[in-house]
């Protein structure tokens, strides 16, 4: 099950097994060739915007391109996720971070199928000053 609004994110380091399988890519690379990343575990650094209905990650190098962030209900229960949620709300709903998760070119997320990362972790978070 996907949650349209990413109200929280997981903040723990990826395990060595997961890290060995991760593909580092940019938002620009993924949105330019989404089929190449289908069902691939990716590590993506970018600007996160947490909105009321949609949370996404983008990159100033490719304006207008973004990837929606979603997560399963099980992942949303991790304790560290609430810490990120609290931080993002305190700092104006923007941050720069590395998102780790599985990419889907047409994920069944609200409001319609679009490219999304099913978030497993968020790392190296830098909150904007308010």
C-alpha atoms as a PDB file:
ATOM      1  CA  UNK A   1       0.000   0.000   0.000  1.00  0.00           C
ATOM      2  CA  UNK A   2       1.329   3.435  -0.896  1.00  0.00           C
ATOM      3  CA  UNK A   3       0.586   6.557   1.070  1.00  0.00           C
ATOM      4  CA  UNK A   4       0.144   9.586  -1.169  1.00  0.00           C
ATOM      5  CA  UNK A   5       1.433  12.055   1.353  1.00  0.00           C
ATOM      6  CA  UNK A   6       4.850  11.365   2.668  1.00  0.00           C
ATOM      7  CA  UNK A   7       4.276  12.561   6.161  1.00  0.00           C
ATOM      8  CA  UNK A   8       7.361  10.877   7.501  1.00  0.00           C
ATOM      9  CA  UNK A   9      10.619   9.387   6.283  1.00  0.00           C
ATOM     10  CA  UNK A  10      12.981   6.775   7.614  1.00  0.00           C
ATOM     11  CA  UNK A  11      16.382   8.000   8.772  1.00  0.00           C
ATOM     12  CA  UNK A  12      18.718   5.042   9.236  1.00  0.00           C
ATOM     13  CA  UNK A  13      21.847   4.017   7.368  1.00  0.00           C
ATOM     14  CA  UNK A  14      21.408   1.463   4.632  1.00  0.00           C
ATOM     15  CA  UNK A  15      22.636  -2.007   5.468  1.00  0.00           C
ATOM     16  CA  UNK A  16      25.760  -3.183   3.689  1.00  0.00           C
ATOM     17  CA  UNK A  17      23.686  -5.681   1.683  1.00  0.00           C
ATOM     18  CA  UNK A  18      21.308  -2.942   0.548  1.00  0.00           C
ATOM     19  CA  UNK A  19      24.162  -0.510  -0.110  1.00  0.00           C
ATOM     20  CA  UNK A  20      25.889  -3.063  -2.364  1.00  0.00           C
ATOM     21  CA  UNK A  21      22.790  -3.201  -4.577  1.00  0.00           C
ATOM     22  CA  UNK A  22      22.072   0.544  -4.675  1.00  0.00           C
ATOM     23  CA  UNK A  23      22.427   2.503  -7.879  1.00  0.00           C
ATOM     24  CA  UNK A  24      23.422   6.110  -7.280  1.00  0.00           C
ATOM     25  CA  UNK A  25      21.579   8.364  -9.690  1.00  0.00           C
ATOM     26  CA  UNK A  26      20.313  11.914  -9.949  1.00  0.00           C
ATOM     27  CA  UNK A  27      16.722  13.029 -10.314  1.00  0.00           C
ATOM     28  CA  UNK A  28      17.657  14.227 -13.804  1.00  0.00           C
ATOM     29  CA  UNK A  29      19.061  10.823 -14.848  1.00  0.00           C
ATOM     30  CA  UNK A  30      16.070   8.923 -13.519  1.00  0.00           C
ATOM     31  CA  UNK A  31      13.416  11.186 -15.037  1.00  0.00           C
ATOM     32  CA  UNK A  32      15.209  11.226 -18.411  1.00  0.00           C
ATOM     33  CA  UNK A  33      15.352   7.402 -18.629  1.00  0.00           C
ATOM     34  CA  UNK A  34      12.767   6.024 -16.151  1.00  0.00           C
ATOM     35  CA  UNK A  35      12.609   2.587 -17.789  1.00  0.00           C
ATOM     36  CA  UNK A  36      16.305   2.054 -16.998  1.00  0.00           C
ATOM     37  CA  UNK A  37      15.587   2.365 -13.278  1.00  0.00           C
ATOM     38  CA  UNK A  38      12.312   0.410 -13.026  1.00  0.00           C
ATOM     39  CA  UNK A  39      12.271  -1.712  -9.822  1.00  0.00           C
ATOM     40  CA  UNK A  40      15.862  -0.687  -9.042  1.00  0.00           C
ATOM     41  CA  UNK A  41      17.002   0.329  -5.553  1.00  0.00           C
ATOM     42  CA  UNK A  42      18.339   3.851  -5.976  1.00  0.00           C
ATOM     43  CA  UNK A  43      20.128   6.440  -3.901  1.00  0.00           C
ATOM     44  CA  UNK A  44      19.137   9.942  -5.009  1.00  0.00           C
ATOM     45  CA  UNK A  45      20.307  13.275  -3.591  1.00  0.00           C
ATOM     46  CA  UNK A  46      18.050  16.230  -4.124  1.00  0.00           C
ATOM     47  CA  UNK A  47      15.700  18.828  -2.765  1.00  0.00           C
ATOM     48  CA  UNK A  48      12.716  17.442  -0.876  1.00  0.00           C
ATOM     49  CA  UNK A  49       9.446  19.320  -0.727  1.00  0.00           C
ATOM     50  CA  UNK A  50       6.860  17.960   1.706  1.00  0.00           C
ATOM     51  CA  UNK A  51       3.450  19.164   0.564  1.00  0.00           C
ATOM     52  CA  UNK A  52      -0.035  18.589   1.866  1.00  0.00           C
ATOM     53  CA  UNK A  53      -0.826  15.871  -0.677  1.00  0.00           C
ATOM     54  CA  UNK A  54       2.446  15.088  -2.420  1.00  0.00           C
ATOM     55  CA  UNK A  55       6.063  14.950  -1.317  1.00  0.00           C
ATOM     56  CA  UNK A  56       8.730  14.901  -3.981  1.00  0.00           C
ATOM     57  CA  UNK A  57      12.413  15.129  -4.657  1.00  0.00           C
ATOM     58  CA  UNK A  58      13.765  17.396  -7.382  1.00  0.00           C
ATOM     59  CA  UNK A  59      17.025  18.820  -8.704  1.00  0.00           C
ATOM     60  CA  UNK A  60      17.710  22.385  -9.853  1.00  0.00           C
ATOM     61  CA  UNK A  61      19.730  20.944 -12.777  1.00  0.00           C
ATOM     62  CA  UNK A  62      16.511  19.758 -14.448  1.00  0.00           C
ATOM     63  CA  UNK A  63      13.731  22.243 -13.615  1.00  0.00           C
ATOM     64  CA  UNK A  64      10.230  20.818 -13.688  1.00  0.00           C
ATOM     65  CA  UNK A  65      11.381  17.232 -13.183  1.00  0.00           C
ATOM     66  CA  UNK A  66      10.587  15.518  -9.933  1.00  0.00           C
ATOM     67  CA  UNK A  67       9.942  12.136  -8.416  1.00  0.00           C
ATOM     68  CA  UNK A  68       7.175  11.562  -5.933  1.00  0.00           C
ATOM     69  CA  UNK A  69       8.142   9.958  -2.627  1.00  0.00           C
ATOM     70  CA  UNK A  70       5.922   7.283  -1.139  1.00  0.00           C
ATOM     71  CA  UNK A  71       6.244   4.610   1.489  1.00  0.00           C
ATOM     72  CA  UNK A  72       4.501   1.570   2.755  1.00  0.00           C
ATOM     73  CA  UNK A  73       2.522   1.782   5.931  1.00  0.00           C
ATOM     74  CA  UNK A  74       4.962  -0.591   7.653  1.00  0.00           C
ATOM     75  CA  UNK A  75       7.930   1.701   6.973  1.00  0.00           C
ATOM     76  CA  UNK A  76       5.991   4.722   8.208  1.00  0.00           C
ATOM     77  CA  UNK A  77       5.954   3.227  11.719  1.00  0.00           C
ATOM     78  CA  UNK A  78       9.714   3.426  12.270  1.00  0.00           C
ATOM     79  CA  UNK A  79      10.679   5.718  15.162  1.00  0.00           C
ATOM     80  CA  UNK A  80      13.262   7.721  13.203  1.00  0.00           C
ATOM     81  CA  UNK A  81      10.670   8.738  10.638  1.00  0.00           C
ATOM     82  CA  UNK A  82       8.822  10.927  13.111  1.00  0.00           C
ATOM     83  CA  UNK A  83      12.051  12.818  13.828  1.00  0.00           C
ATOM     84  CA  UNK A  84      12.382  13.741  10.144  1.00  0.00           C
ATOM     85  CA  UNK A  85       8.719  14.712   9.962  1.00  0.00           C
ATOM     86  CA  UNK A  86       9.092  17.000  12.950  1.00  0.00           C
ATOM     87  CA  UNK A  87      12.224  18.564  11.455  1.00  0.00           C
ATOM     88  CA  UNK A  88      10.701  19.183   8.053  1.00  0.00           C
ATOM     89  CA  UNK A  89       7.666  20.880   9.597  1.00  0.00           C
ATOM     90  CA  UNK A  90       9.853  23.102  11.749  1.00  0.00           C
ATOM     91  CA  UNK A  91      11.927  24.218   8.768  1.00  0.00           C
ATOM     92  CA  UNK A  92       9.351  25.225   6.182  1.00  0.00           C
ATOM     93  CA  UNK A  93       8.690  21.845   4.525  1.00  0.00           C
ATOM     94  CA  UNK A  94      11.948  21.859   2.519  1.00  0.00           C
ATOM     95  CA  UNK A  95      15.220  19.991   2.962  1.00  0.00           C
ATOM     96  CA  UNK A  96      18.092  18.594   0.951  1.00  0.00           C
ATOM     97  CA  UNK A  97      18.696  14.892   1.507  1.00  0.00           C
ATOM     98  CA  UNK A  98      19.633  11.552   0.032  1.00  0.00           C
ATOM     99  CA  UNK A  99      16.643   9.261  -0.465  1.00  0.00           C
ATOM    100  CA  UNK A 100      17.128   5.499  -0.659  1.00  0.00           C
ATOM    101  CA  UNK A 101      14.354   3.340  -2.056  1.00  0.00           C
ATOM    102  CA  UNK A 102      12.875   1.360  -4.923  1.00  0.00           C
ATOM    103  CA  UNK A 103      12.003   3.332  -8.082  1.00  0.00           C
ATOM    104  CA  UNK A 104       8.782   2.740 -10.022  1.00  0.00           C
ATOM    105  CA  UNK A 105       8.149   4.564 -13.296  1.00  0.00           C
ATOM    106  CA  UNK A 106       4.362   4.465 -12.826  1.00  0.00           C
ATOM    107  CA  UNK A 107       3.674   3.915  -9.151  1.00  0.00           C
ATOM    108  CA  UNK A 108       0.047   3.758  -7.985  1.00  0.00           C
ATOM    109  CA  UNK A 109       0.246   6.894  -5.873  1.00  0.00           C
ATOM    110  CA  UNK A 110      -2.171   9.745  -5.320  1.00  0.00           C
ATOM    111  CA  UNK A 111      -3.378  11.586  -7.333  1.00  0.00           C
ATOM    112  CA  UNK A 112      -2.408   9.489 -10.387  1.00  0.00           C
ATOM    113  CA  UNK A 113       0.299   7.031 -11.460  1.00  0.00           C
ATOM    114  CA  UNK A 114       3.601   8.815 -11.805  1.00  0.00           C
ATOM    115  CA  UNK A 115       7.300   8.154 -11.184  1.00  0.00           C
ATOM    116  CA  UNK A 116       7.877   7.448  -7.498  1.00  0.00           C
ATOM    117  CA  UNK A 117      10.437   6.145  -5.065  1.00  0.00           C
ATOM    118  CA  UNK A 118       9.143   3.801  -2.387  1.00  0.00           C
ATOM    119  CA  UNK A 119      11.292   5.229   0.405  1.00  0.00           C
ATOM    120  CA  UNK A 120      13.298   2.898   2.615  1.00  0.00           C
ATOM    121  CA  UNK A 121      15.634   5.501   4.156  1.00  0.00           C
ATOM    122  CA  UNK A 122      16.634   9.140   4.111  1.00  0.00           C
ATOM    123  CA  UNK A 123      20.185  10.181   4.871  1.00  0.00           C
ATOM    124  CA  UNK A 124      22.364  13.269   5.158  1.00  0.00           C
ATOM    125  CA  UNK A 125      19.456  15.618   5.761  1.00  0.00           C
ATOM    126  CA  UNK A 126      20.062  19.359   5.688  1.00  0.00           C
ATOM    127  CA  UNK A 127      16.990  21.343   6.714  1.00  0.00           C
ATOM    128  CA  UNK A 128      16.450  24.836   5.347  1.00  0.00           C
ATOM    129  CA  UNK A 129      16.773  27.668   7.829  1.00  0.00           C
ATOM    130  CA  UNK A 130      13.417  29.225   8.524  1.00  0.00           C
END
